[in-house]
């Protein structure tokens, strides 16, 4: 046994919860390994609605504690990563056929005051006949409301937590499946397999944390050979991407006939992201995809409110994610709690912490609570620290992204404004590392289309565990949405060739 390396925490799952836990624990001085069978954020954590929000509709289900925690975390995260998280105003046209205006107004009042809002502007009422936000809305809707939440690049939020964990000493293993974890002499004997090479590795861990998301129950039983009194409920949420069809940086939130709310958000400059659905899901999480009925449902919800009618042919892309919600016994998928819960199994002195539920907005608090939960096994670990810390790239003075970009324009006068904003939003203060040595556009290397240059590709390969063309195009940079099929294919061929030569 002494020949097998020992770690304090072995974290299974490279989504937002796993990455957040690895960063938190490593920053307390614990020795951590994070193991992910695919790419970081390849599952649920890159298929969200891209919002850091309190969850306005959760008030209707009396989830006051969750909403309060989420509203507080909204500003904590905004301060920690103002390059990938920024304020957004949401316009809510009021439909008298659905929730009454007094109820919406009450909900927005609570939303403004429940979480100690400091930075974001509060709610205001709109006259959709006169205010410019009402221009694209059908004339029958005359009253509206506008409130604040935040936008987030969800996949990059995961990657930056993993980068932060690695900088604190954690080992991040992607494309590595945890195949077996068994208790042995008060520890966990963990086996993992590199999915690319087939190489098998064994480590010992003092504690195992299961942050498998939709796979949490599979890990409990098949991998860890254990049981849990908790269960996860899988709910599918689908989104569509269409060309943006209104002026302005604001988003819209509309109420549908079935009481669900649909977000219509500006996305990637010239596009709109519309979602989401809430459908019970029983298939394999790896195989989830949007059904045509979901696409039509989202199009109908939008067309109920807007003058410009969307058609199926307007849909550029669809994506679906499986939300691993804690099963609280609610029949309606929309009513199932978005809160999180833990199941700690201390059998034989080798603790296993299983995580059920959670949402992007509360990941940092979930991670903090998770590490606190196992803290009694690590009396030597340090105190809570992430609330006041910056995520990698977020080291921007006063979290002032506009001021930061102006300084970068002076430092890199040769860099086009659009490309500067692209690098600034993705890498923040770390964009100087990407641009190191470049004094002109030629220094960025080969251009693959849209805003994708060789310097950025090499940066995410060398620093962010990007191992495939898809990792680069859709989770690290989003440039795949702006490139033609021919450009994406040419990039994939170049990328695979570069990796083969490098190997």
Protein backbone atom coordinates (compact mmCIF):
# COMPACT_ATOMS: atom_id res chain seq x y z
CA UNK A 1 0.00 0.00 0.00
CA UNK A 2 2.85 2.39 0.78
CA UNK A 3 3.90 2.40 -2.88
CA UNK A 4 0.54 3.83 -3.96
CA UNK A 5 0.37 7.67 -3.87
CA UNK A 6 -2.03 9.19 -1.33
CA UNK A 7 -4.25 12.26 -1.70
CA UNK A 8 -6.69 13.92 0.66
CA UNK A 9 -9.64 14.39 -1.70
CA UNK A 10 -10.48 12.53 -4.87
CA UNK A 11 -13.23 14.40 -6.75
CA UNK A 12 -15.22 12.61 -9.46
CA UNK A 13 -16.80 14.97 -11.98
CA UNK A 14 -15.43 17.91 -13.98
CA UNK A 15 -18.56 20.02 -14.05
CA UNK A 16 -19.07 23.24 -12.11
CA UNK A 17 -19.55 21.53 -8.74
CA UNK A 18 -16.52 19.27 -9.05
CA UNK A 19 -14.27 22.06 -10.31
CA UNK A 20 -15.50 24.41 -7.59
CA UNK A 21 -14.87 21.85 -4.86
CA UNK A 22 -11.39 21.05 -6.19
CA UNK A 23 -10.45 24.75 -6.16
CA UNK A 24 -11.89 25.37 -2.70
CA UNK A 25 -10.19 22.33 -1.16
CA UNK A 26 -6.83 22.91 -2.84
CA UNK A 27 -6.86 26.48 -1.60
CA UNK A 28 -7.19 25.18 1.96
CA UNK A 29 -4.00 23.16 1.56
CA UNK A 30 -5.55 19.77 0.79
CA UNK A 31 -4.00 17.47 -1.79
CA UNK A 32 -6.66 17.03 -4.49
CA UNK A 33 -7.22 15.05 -7.69
CA UNK A 34 -10.16 15.82 -9.95
CA UNK A 35 -11.09 13.08 -12.42
CA UNK A 36 -13.42 13.68 -15.42
CA UNK A 37 -14.26 11.03 -17.99
CA UNK A 38 -14.82 13.57 -20.80
CA UNK A 39 -13.90 17.23 -21.18
CA UNK A 40 -14.46 19.82 -18.49
CA UNK A 41 -18.07 21.07 -18.61
CA UNK A 42 -18.92 18.65 -21.41
CA UNK A 43 -22.21 17.67 -19.76
CA UNK A 44 -24.76 19.82 -17.97
CA UNK A 45 -22.40 22.65 -17.06
CA UNK A 46 -21.98 23.87 -20.65
CA UNK A 47 -25.65 23.41 -21.54
CA UNK A 48 -27.29 25.86 -19.17
CA UNK A 49 -29.16 29.07 -19.88
CA UNK A 50 -25.87 30.96 -19.24
CA UNK A 51 -27.29 32.96 -16.32
CA UNK A 52 -26.08 33.83 -12.85
CA UNK A 53 -29.45 34.65 -11.35
CA UNK A 54 -31.48 34.45 -8.19
CA UNK A 55 -34.22 32.41 -9.83
CA UNK A 56 -37.20 34.76 -9.91
CA UNK A 57 -39.68 31.97 -10.56
CA UNK A 58 -38.45 29.96 -7.55
CA UNK A 59 -40.20 32.50 -5.31
CA UNK A 60 -43.47 31.03 -6.53
CA UNK A 61 -42.46 27.72 -4.91
CA UNK A 62 -41.44 29.45 -1.63
CA UNK A 63 -37.73 28.70 -2.20
CA UNK A 64 -36.78 31.83 -0.26
CA UNK A 65 -33.54 30.44 1.20
CA UNK A 66 -32.31 29.31 -2.22
CA UNK A 67 -33.24 32.61 -3.87
CA UNK A 68 -31.57 34.63 -1.13
CA UNK A 69 -28.37 32.58 -1.34
CA UNK A 70 -28.38 32.84 -5.14
CA UNK A 71 -28.91 36.61 -5.08
CA UNK A 72 -26.00 37.06 -2.67
CA UNK A 73 -23.81 34.76 -4.76
CA UNK A 74 -24.74 36.69 -7.90
CA UNK A 75 -22.75 39.70 -6.70
CA UNK A 76 -19.96 37.59 -5.19
CA UNK A 77 -19.40 35.97 -8.58
CA UNK A 78 -19.73 39.27 -10.43
CA UNK A 79 -16.88 40.63 -8.33
CA UNK A 80 -14.77 37.51 -8.82
CA UNK A 81 -14.95 37.25 -12.62
CA UNK A 82 -16.28 40.40 -14.25
CA UNK A 83 -14.82 39.29 -17.59
CA UNK A 84 -17.06 36.22 -17.97
CA UNK A 85 -19.96 37.46 -15.79
CA UNK A 86 -21.66 40.78 -16.45
CA UNK A 87 -24.98 42.52 -15.62
CA UNK A 88 -27.93 42.13 -17.93
CA UNK A 89 -31.34 43.79 -17.87
CA UNK A 90 -34.40 41.60 -18.44
CA UNK A 91 -37.65 42.91 -19.87
CA UNK A 92 -40.76 41.06 -18.76
CA UNK A 93 -43.84 41.90 -20.86
CA UNK A 94 -46.90 41.37 -18.70
CA UNK A 95 -49.66 39.10 -19.95
CA UNK A 96 -52.94 39.52 -18.03
CA UNK A 97 -53.86 35.96 -19.08
CA UNK A 98 -51.14 34.51 -16.83
CA UNK A 99 -49.78 35.77 -13.49
CA UNK A 100 -51.52 38.95 -12.24
CA UNK A 101 -49.49 42.16 -12.31
CA UNK A 102 -49.59 42.57 -8.51
CA UNK A 103 -48.00 39.12 -8.08
CA UNK A 104 -45.23 39.89 -10.57
CA UNK A 105 -44.61 43.25 -8.88
CA UNK A 106 -44.44 41.57 -5.45
CA UNK A 107 -42.02 38.95 -6.74
CA UNK A 108 -39.77 41.62 -8.23
CA UNK A 109 -39.87 43.62 -4.98
CA UNK A 110 -38.70 40.57 -3.05
CA UNK A 111 -36.10 39.88 -5.73
CA UNK A 112 -34.70 43.39 -5.33
CA UNK A 113 -34.47 43.23 -1.53
CA UNK A 114 -34.02 39.59 -0.49
CA UNK A 115 -30.30 39.32 -1.26
CA UNK A 116 -28.82 42.64 -0.21
CA UNK A 117 -28.40 43.94 -3.77
CA UNK A 118 -25.48 46.40 -3.98
CA UNK A 119 -24.24 46.78 -7.56
CA UNK A 120 -27.15 45.95 -9.84
CA UNK A 121 -29.94 48.45 -10.61
CA UNK A 122 -33.40 47.65 -9.30
CA UNK A 123 -36.70 46.96 -10.99
CA UNK A 124 -38.63 49.57 -12.96
CA UNK A 125 -42.01 49.52 -14.67
CA UNK A 126 -42.25 49.95 -18.43
CA UNK A 127 -44.86 51.36 -20.76
CA UNK A 128 -44.29 49.09 -23.73
CA UNK A 129 -46.17 51.53 -25.98
CA UNK A 130 -43.57 54.25 -25.39
CA UNK A 131 -40.37 52.72 -23.98
CA UNK A 132 -37.94 51.48 -26.67
CA UNK A 133 -37.78 48.02 -25.05
CA UNK A 134 -41.38 47.54 -26.15
CA UNK A 135 -40.70 48.18 -29.84
CA UNK A 136 -40.47 44.49 -30.89
CA UNK A 137 -43.38 43.43 -28.65
CA UNK A 138 -46.93 42.94 -29.98
CA UNK A 139 -49.21 45.93 -29.39
CA UNK A 140 -51.59 43.96 -27.16
CA UNK A 141 -48.94 43.92 -24.42
CA UNK A 142 -48.83 47.43 -22.99
CA UNK A 143 -47.28 46.95 -19.54
CA UNK A 144 -43.92 45.50 -18.62
CA UNK A 145 -41.21 45.34 -16.00
CA UNK A 146 -37.41 45.47 -16.20
CA UNK A 147 -35.08 43.90 -13.63
CA UNK A 148 -31.44 42.87 -13.27
CA UNK A 149 -29.58 39.56 -13.33
CA UNK A 150 -26.23 38.47 -14.75
CA UNK A 151 -24.93 36.63 -17.79
CA UNK A 152 -22.17 34.01 -17.54
CA UNK A 153 -20.07 32.00 -19.95
CA UNK A 154 -20.85 28.72 -18.17
CA UNK A 155 -18.20 26.50 -19.76
CA UNK A 156 -15.48 29.04 -19.08
CA UNK A 157 -16.64 29.35 -15.47
CA UNK A 158 -15.89 25.64 -15.07
CA UNK A 159 -12.53 25.89 -16.84
CA UNK A 160 -11.44 28.86 -14.73
CA UNK A 161 -12.30 27.01 -11.53
CA UNK A 162 -10.20 24.08 -12.77
CA UNK A 163 -7.34 26.46 -13.64
CA UNK A 164 -7.63 28.00 -10.19
CA UNK A 165 -7.59 24.54 -8.59
CA UNK A 166 -4.47 23.56 -10.53
CA UNK A 167 -2.74 26.78 -9.52
CA UNK A 168 -3.43 25.83 -5.89
CA UNK A 169 -1.84 22.41 -6.45
CA UNK A 170 -4.75 20.20 -7.54
CA UNK A 171 -4.22 17.64 -10.29
CA UNK A 172 -6.85 17.91 -13.04
CA UNK A 173 -7.34 14.76 -15.13
CA UNK A 174 -9.65 14.99 -18.13
CA UNK A 175 -10.56 12.12 -20.49
CA UNK A 176 -9.92 9.91 -17.47
CA UNK A 177 -12.68 7.62 -16.19
CA UNK A 178 -12.86 6.57 -12.55
CA UNK A 179 -13.49 2.85 -13.01
CA UNK A 180 -13.44 1.65 -9.42
CA UNK A 181 -13.34 3.02 -5.88
CA UNK A 182 -13.30 0.64 -2.92
CA UNK A 183 -12.74 1.14 0.79
CA UNK A 184 -9.52 -0.41 2.03
CA UNK A 185 -8.02 0.02 5.52
CA UNK A 186 -9.76 3.32 6.19
CA UNK A 187 -9.00 4.82 2.78
CA UNK A 188 -10.37 4.71 -0.74
CA UNK A 189 -8.44 2.72 -3.31
CA UNK A 190 -9.30 4.45 -6.56
CA UNK A 191 -8.58 3.17 -10.06
CA UNK A 192 -8.85 5.31 -13.17
CA UNK A 193 -8.26 4.76 -16.86
CA UNK A 194 -6.95 7.26 -19.39
CA UNK A 195 -9.56 7.10 -22.17
CA UNK A 196 -6.98 8.04 -24.82
CA UNK A 197 -4.14 5.65 -23.96
CA UNK A 198 -5.89 2.99 -21.90
CA UNK A 199 -3.30 3.43 -19.13
CA UNK A 200 -4.60 2.51 -15.66
CA UNK A 201 -3.54 4.37 -12.53
CA UNK A 202 -4.26 3.73 -8.84
CA UNK A 203 -4.24 6.18 -5.95
CA UNK A 204 -5.36 6.15 -2.32
CA UNK A 205 -7.65 8.88 -1.03
CA UNK A 206 -8.70 9.84 2.47
CA UNK A 207 -12.08 11.07 1.15
CA UNK A 208 -14.10 10.56 -2.04
CA UNK A 209 -16.43 13.27 -3.36
CA UNK A 210 -19.00 12.31 -5.96
CA UNK A 211 -19.86 15.37 -8.05
CA UNK A 212 -21.02 13.32 -11.02
CA UNK A 213 -24.12 15.37 -11.78
CA UNK A 214 -26.48 13.23 -13.87
CA UNK A 215 -24.19 10.26 -13.23
CA UNK A 216 -24.20 10.64 -9.42
CA UNK A 217 -26.26 7.50 -8.71
CA UNK A 218 -24.26 5.45 -11.22
CA UNK A 219 -21.05 6.46 -9.44
CA UNK A 220 -22.53 5.59 -6.04
CA UNK A 221 -23.46 2.08 -7.11
CA UNK A 222 -21.27 0.94 -10.00
CA UNK A 223 -18.03 2.76 -9.19
CA UNK A 224 -18.07 3.07 -5.40
CA UNK A 225 -20.09 -0.08 -4.64
CA UNK A 226 -22.16 1.90 -2.15
CA UNK A 227 -25.74 2.97 -1.56
CA UNK A 228 -27.41 6.32 -0.94
CA UNK A 229 -30.73 7.17 0.66
CA UNK A 230 -30.95 10.12 -1.73
CA UNK A 231 -31.86 10.06 -5.38
CA UNK A 232 -31.40 12.32 -8.35
CA UNK A 233 -34.17 13.26 -10.74
CA UNK A 234 -33.14 13.92 -14.33
CA UNK A 235 -34.90 16.80 -16.08
CA UNK A 236 -34.09 17.80 -19.65
CA UNK A 237 -33.75 21.44 -20.58
CA UNK A 238 -33.43 22.36 -24.25
CA UNK A 239 -32.42 25.64 -25.89
CA UNK A 240 -32.42 27.02 -29.41
CA UNK A 241 -30.10 29.58 -30.99
CA UNK A 242 -31.53 31.97 -33.62
CA UNK A 243 -30.40 35.26 -35.20
CA UNK A 244 -30.94 38.18 -32.80
CA UNK A 245 -34.16 40.01 -33.75
CA UNK A 246 -34.20 43.13 -31.56
CA UNK A 247 -32.00 46.14 -30.88
CA UNK A 248 -30.23 46.61 -27.56
CA UNK A 249 -28.24 44.59 -25.04
CA UNK A 250 -31.23 43.69 -22.87
CA UNK A 251 -32.90 40.27 -22.70
CA UNK A 252 -36.57 39.29 -22.50
CA UNK A 253 -38.43 36.96 -20.15
CA UNK A 254 -41.89 35.83 -21.25
CA UNK A 255 -44.55 33.84 -19.46
CA UNK A 256 -46.05 30.92 -21.33
CA UNK A 257 -49.59 29.52 -21.04
CA UNK A 258 -48.32 26.61 -18.90
CA UNK A 259 -46.85 29.08 -16.34
CA UNK A 260 -43.27 28.36 -17.43
CA UNK A 261 -41.05 31.32 -18.17
CA UNK A 262 -38.84 31.46 -21.26
CA UNK A 263 -35.63 33.47 -21.47
CA UNK A 264 -34.73 35.22 -24.74
CA UNK A 265 -31.15 36.40 -24.30
CA UNK A 266 -28.64 38.13 -26.59
CA UNK A 267 -25.91 35.63 -27.36
CA UNK A 268 -22.51 35.93 -29.02
CA UNK A 269 -23.26 39.41 -30.35
CA UNK A 270 -25.57 38.69 -33.28
CA UNK A 271 -27.54 35.72 -31.96
CA UNK A 272 -30.25 34.96 -29.43
CA UNK A 273 -30.39 32.07 -26.97
CA UNK A 274 -33.91 30.91 -26.14
CA UNK A 275 -34.86 28.44 -23.43
CA UNK A 276 -35.58 26.38 -21.59
CA UNK A 277 -37.90 23.41 -21.42
CA UNK A 278 -38.47 21.19 -18.38
CA UNK A 279 -39.11 17.55 -19.31
CA UNK A 280 -38.53 14.38 -17.24
CA UNK A 281 -35.68 12.41 -18.76
CA UNK A 282 -34.92 8.71 -18.42
CA UNK A 283 -32.33 8.12 -21.13
CA UNK A 284 -28.56 8.16 -21.03
CA UNK A 285 -27.29 11.69 -20.22
CA UNK A 286 -24.68 11.35 -22.99
CA UNK A 287 -27.44 10.99 -25.59
CA UNK A 288 -29.67 13.92 -24.68
CA UNK A 289 -30.86 16.14 -27.52
CA UNK A 290 -33.68 18.56 -28.24
CA UNK A 291 -36.85 17.03 -29.64
CA UNK A 292 -38.74 18.79 -32.42
CA UNK A 293 -41.67 19.26 -30.02
CA UNK A 294 -39.39 21.26 -27.72
CA UNK A 295 -38.17 23.42 -30.61
CA UNK A 296 -41.75 24.17 -31.62
CA UNK A 297 -42.69 24.88 -27.99
CA UNK A 298 -39.94 27.51 -27.67
CA UNK A 299 -40.75 29.09 -31.03
CA UNK A 300 -44.44 29.31 -30.10
CA UNK A 301 -43.63 30.94 -26.75
CA UNK A 302 -41.59 33.65 -28.47
CA UNK A 303 -44.08 34.19 -31.28
CA UNK A 304 -46.84 34.75 -28.74
CA UNK A 305 -45.15 38.03 -27.73
CA UNK A 306 -43.08 39.36 -30.62
CA UNK A 307 -44.03 41.04 -33.88
CA UNK A 308 -41.30 39.28 -35.85
CA UNK A 309 -42.29 35.63 -36.12
CA UNK A 310 -39.61 32.99 -35.83
CA UNK A 311 -39.73 29.93 -38.07
CA UNK A 312 -38.07 26.54 -37.78
CA UNK A 313 -35.64 27.58 -40.51
CA UNK A 314 -34.37 30.39 -38.25
CA UNK A 315 -32.97 27.90 -35.75
CA UNK A 316 -29.19 27.84 -36.15
CA UNK A 317 -28.43 25.34 -33.39
CA UNK A 318 -30.09 23.44 -30.57
CA UNK A 319 -28.64 21.96 -27.41
CA UNK A 320 -29.96 20.10 -24.40
CA UNK A 321 -28.69 19.48 -20.92
CA UNK A 322 -29.76 17.05 -18.24
CA UNK A 323 -30.28 18.76 -14.91
CA UNK A 324 -29.48 16.44 -12.00
CA UNK A 325 -32.07 17.72 -9.54
CA UNK A 326 -32.48 16.40 -6.03
CA UNK A 327 -35.65 14.28 -6.07
CA UNK A 328 -37.92 15.94 -3.52
CA UNK A 329 -41.03 14.06 -4.63
CA UNK A 330 -42.61 16.89 -6.62
CA UNK A 331 -44.57 15.72 -9.65
CA UNK A 332 -44.13 18.83 -11.80
CA UNK A 333 -40.55 19.06 -13.14
CA UNK A 334 -40.70 22.86 -12.88
CA UNK A 335 -41.54 22.57 -9.18
CA UNK A 336 -38.65 20.25 -8.32
CA UNK A 337 -36.23 22.12 -6.09
CA UNK A 338 -33.08 23.62 -7.61
CA UNK A 339 -31.50 23.49 -4.16
CA UNK A 340 -28.71 21.05 -3.36
CA UNK A 341 -28.27 18.43 -0.69
CA UNK A 342 -25.43 16.21 0.53
CA UNK A 343 -25.31 12.56 1.52
CA UNK A 344 -22.26 11.75 3.67
CA UNK A 345 -21.41 8.06 4.14
CA UNK A 346 -18.70 7.61 6.79
CA UNK A 347 -18.48 3.80 6.62
CA UNK A 348 -15.17 2.36 7.86
CA UNK A 349 -13.69 5.80 8.38
CA UNK A 350 -13.44 6.38 4.61
CA UNK A 351 -15.97 9.14 3.88
CA UNK A 352 -17.95 9.38 0.65
CA UNK A 353 -19.78 12.65 0.00
CA UNK A 354 -22.46 12.44 -2.69
CA UNK A 355 -23.82 15.69 -4.11
CA UNK A 356 -27.38 15.98 -5.40
CA UNK A 357 -28.77 19.00 -7.21
CA UNK A 358 -27.36 22.49 -7.38
CA UNK A 359 -27.24 25.25 -9.97
CA UNK A 360 -24.56 27.35 -11.65
CA UNK A 361 -25.25 30.42 -9.52
CA UNK A 362 -24.74 28.69 -6.17
CA UNK A 363 -21.77 26.50 -7.14
CA UNK A 364 -19.27 28.43 -5.00
CA UNK A 365 -21.42 28.16 -1.89
CA UNK A 366 -22.11 24.49 -2.62
CA UNK A 367 -18.36 23.87 -2.91
CA UNK A 368 -17.70 25.70 0.34
CA UNK A 369 -20.42 23.73 2.14
CA UNK A 370 -19.14 20.45 0.68
CA UNK A 371 -15.60 21.02 1.93
CA UNK A 372 -16.94 22.12 5.31
CA UNK A 373 -18.98 18.91 5.41
CA UNK A 374 -15.84 16.76 5.25
CA UNK A 375 -13.75 19.21 7.25
CA UNK A 376 -13.82 17.10 10.40
CA UNK A 377 -11.65 14.55 8.59
CA UNK A 378 -9.08 17.26 7.80
CA UNK A 379 -8.48 19.28 10.98
CA UNK A 380 -5.36 20.69 9.37
CA UNK A 381 -7.15 22.34 6.45
CA UNK A 382 -7.41 26.11 6.12
CA UNK A 383 -10.48 28.36 6.53
CA UNK A 384 -13.10 29.45 3.98
CA UNK A 385 -11.44 31.67 1.38
CA UNK A 386 -13.26 31.80 -1.97
CA UNK A 387 -15.83 34.55 -1.23
CA UNK A 388 -13.23 37.31 -1.52
CA UNK A 389 -11.00 35.71 -4.15
CA UNK A 390 -10.76 36.32 -7.89
CA UNK A 391 -11.10 33.60 -10.46
CA UNK A 392 -8.20 33.37 -12.95
CA UNK A 393 -8.45 36.36 -15.26
CA UNK A 394 -10.72 38.21 -12.86
CA UNK A 395 -7.83 40.20 -11.41
CA UNK A 396 -9.29 43.38 -12.88
CA UNK A 397 -9.10 46.56 -10.83
CA UNK A 398 -12.46 47.26 -9.14
CA UNK A 399 -14.01 44.60 -11.41
CA UNK A 400 -14.24 47.37 -14.01
CA UNK A 401 -14.23 45.53 -17.33
CA UNK A 402 -14.79 48.67 -19.42
CA UNK A 403 -11.78 50.37 -17.85
CA UNK A 404 -9.75 47.21 -18.32
CA UNK A 405 -10.51 47.01 -22.05
CA UNK A 406 -9.52 50.65 -22.48
CA UNK A 407 -6.16 49.91 -20.87
CA UNK A 408 -5.73 46.89 -23.13
CA UNK A 409 -6.48 49.04 -26.20
CA UNK A 410 -3.57 51.26 -25.24
CA UNK A 411 -1.30 48.27 -24.64
CA UNK A 412 -2.26 46.53 -27.92
CA UNK A 413 -3.17 49.30 -30.41
CA UNK A 414 -2.80 46.87 -33.32
CA UNK A 415 -5.48 44.51 -32.02
CA UNK A 416 -8.94 45.03 -33.62
CA UNK A 417 -11.61 46.12 -31.13
CA UNK A 418 -13.76 43.02 -31.69
CA UNK A 419 -10.85 40.65 -31.12
CA UNK A 420 -9.73 42.59 -28.05
CA UNK A 421 -13.20 42.26 -26.53
CA UNK A 422 -13.24 38.55 -27.41
CA UNK A 423 -9.95 37.94 -25.60
CA UNK A 424 -10.94 40.23 -22.75
CA UNK A 425 -14.25 38.49 -22.12
CA UNK A 426 -12.74 35.00 -22.23
CA UNK A 427 -9.40 35.50 -20.50
CA UNK A 428 -9.65 38.80 -18.64
CA UNK A 429 -6.34 39.85 -17.14
CA UNK A 430 -4.80 36.60 -18.44
CA UNK A 431 -5.16 37.75 -22.06
CA UNK A 432 -1.64 39.19 -21.76
CA UNK A 433 -0.38 35.62 -21.43
CA UNK A 434 -2.13 34.65 -24.66
CA UNK A 435 -0.70 37.69 -26.46
CA UNK A 436 2.83 37.35 -25.07
CA UNK A 437 5.37 38.06 -27.79
CA UNK A 438 2.84 39.23 -30.38
CA UNK A 439 3.33 42.76 -31.74
CA UNK A 440 1.03 42.53 -34.75
CA UNK A 441 -1.74 40.35 -36.16
CA UNK A 442 0.91 38.18 -37.80
CA UNK A 443 2.08 37.23 -34.33
CA UNK A 444 -1.25 35.48 -33.65
CA UNK A 445 -0.46 32.83 -36.24
CA UNK A 446 -2.85 31.05 -38.54
CA UNK A 447 -6.41 32.38 -38.85
CA UNK A 448 -9.06 29.65 -38.90
CA UNK A 449 -12.15 31.82 -39.37
CA UNK A 450 -14.29 34.18 -37.27
CA UNK A 451 -12.09 35.35 -34.35
CA UNK A 452 -10.12 32.13 -33.96
CA UNK A 453 -6.32 32.41 -34.33
CA UNK A 454 -3.57 29.92 -33.66
CA UNK A 455 -2.27 31.78 -30.58
CA UNK A 456 -5.58 31.31 -28.78
CA UNK A 457 -5.78 27.65 -29.77
CA UNK A 458 -2.34 26.94 -28.39
CA UNK A 459 -3.19 28.87 -25.22
CA UNK A 460 -6.26 26.73 -24.42
CA UNK A 461 -4.39 23.53 -25.29
CA UNK A 462 -1.42 24.39 -23.09
CA UNK A 463 -3.33 25.96 -20.19
CA UNK A 464 -6.93 24.74 -20.24
CA UNK A 465 -6.93 21.00 -21.08
CA UNK A 466 -8.42 21.41 -24.58
CA UNK A 467 -7.76 18.09 -26.31
CA UNK A 468 -10.11 18.13 -29.29
CA UNK A 469 -11.37 20.54 -31.92
CA UNK A 470 -14.79 20.48 -30.23
CA UNK A 471 -13.24 21.49 -26.90
CA UNK A 472 -11.77 24.56 -28.59
CA UNK A 473 -14.65 25.53 -30.85
CA UNK A 474 -17.62 25.11 -28.52
CA UNK A 475 -16.49 25.07 -24.89
CA UNK A 476 -13.36 27.25 -24.76
CA UNK A 477 -14.04 29.91 -27.42
CA UNK A 478 -17.60 29.51 -28.87
CA UNK A 479 -16.12 30.38 -32.27
CA UNK A 480 -17.63 27.25 -33.78
CA UNK A 481 -20.94 29.13 -33.77
CA UNK A 482 -19.46 31.79 -36.06
CA UNK A 483 -17.47 29.58 -38.46
CA UNK A 484 -18.75 27.88 -41.59
CA UNK A 485 -18.94 24.06 -41.74
CA UNK A 486 -15.95 24.10 -44.11
CA UNK A 487 -13.93 26.24 -41.68
CA UNK A 488 -14.78 23.96 -38.77
CA UNK A 489 -13.79 20.90 -40.76
CA UNK A 490 -10.49 22.46 -41.85
CA UNK A 491 -9.73 23.44 -38.26
CA UNK A 492 -10.48 19.92 -37.00
CA UNK A 493 -8.09 18.45 -39.57
CA UNK A 494 -5.36 20.93 -38.61
CA UNK A 495 -5.94 20.39 -34.90
CA UNK A 496 -5.82 16.60 -35.11
CA UNK A 497 -2.70 16.82 -37.25
CA UNK A 498 -1.03 19.17 -34.77
CA UNK A 499 -1.81 16.84 -31.87
CA UNK A 500 -0.45 13.85 -33.76
CA UNK A 501 2.76 15.72 -34.58
CA UNK A 502 3.05 16.90 -30.98
CA UNK A 503 2.59 13.34 -29.72
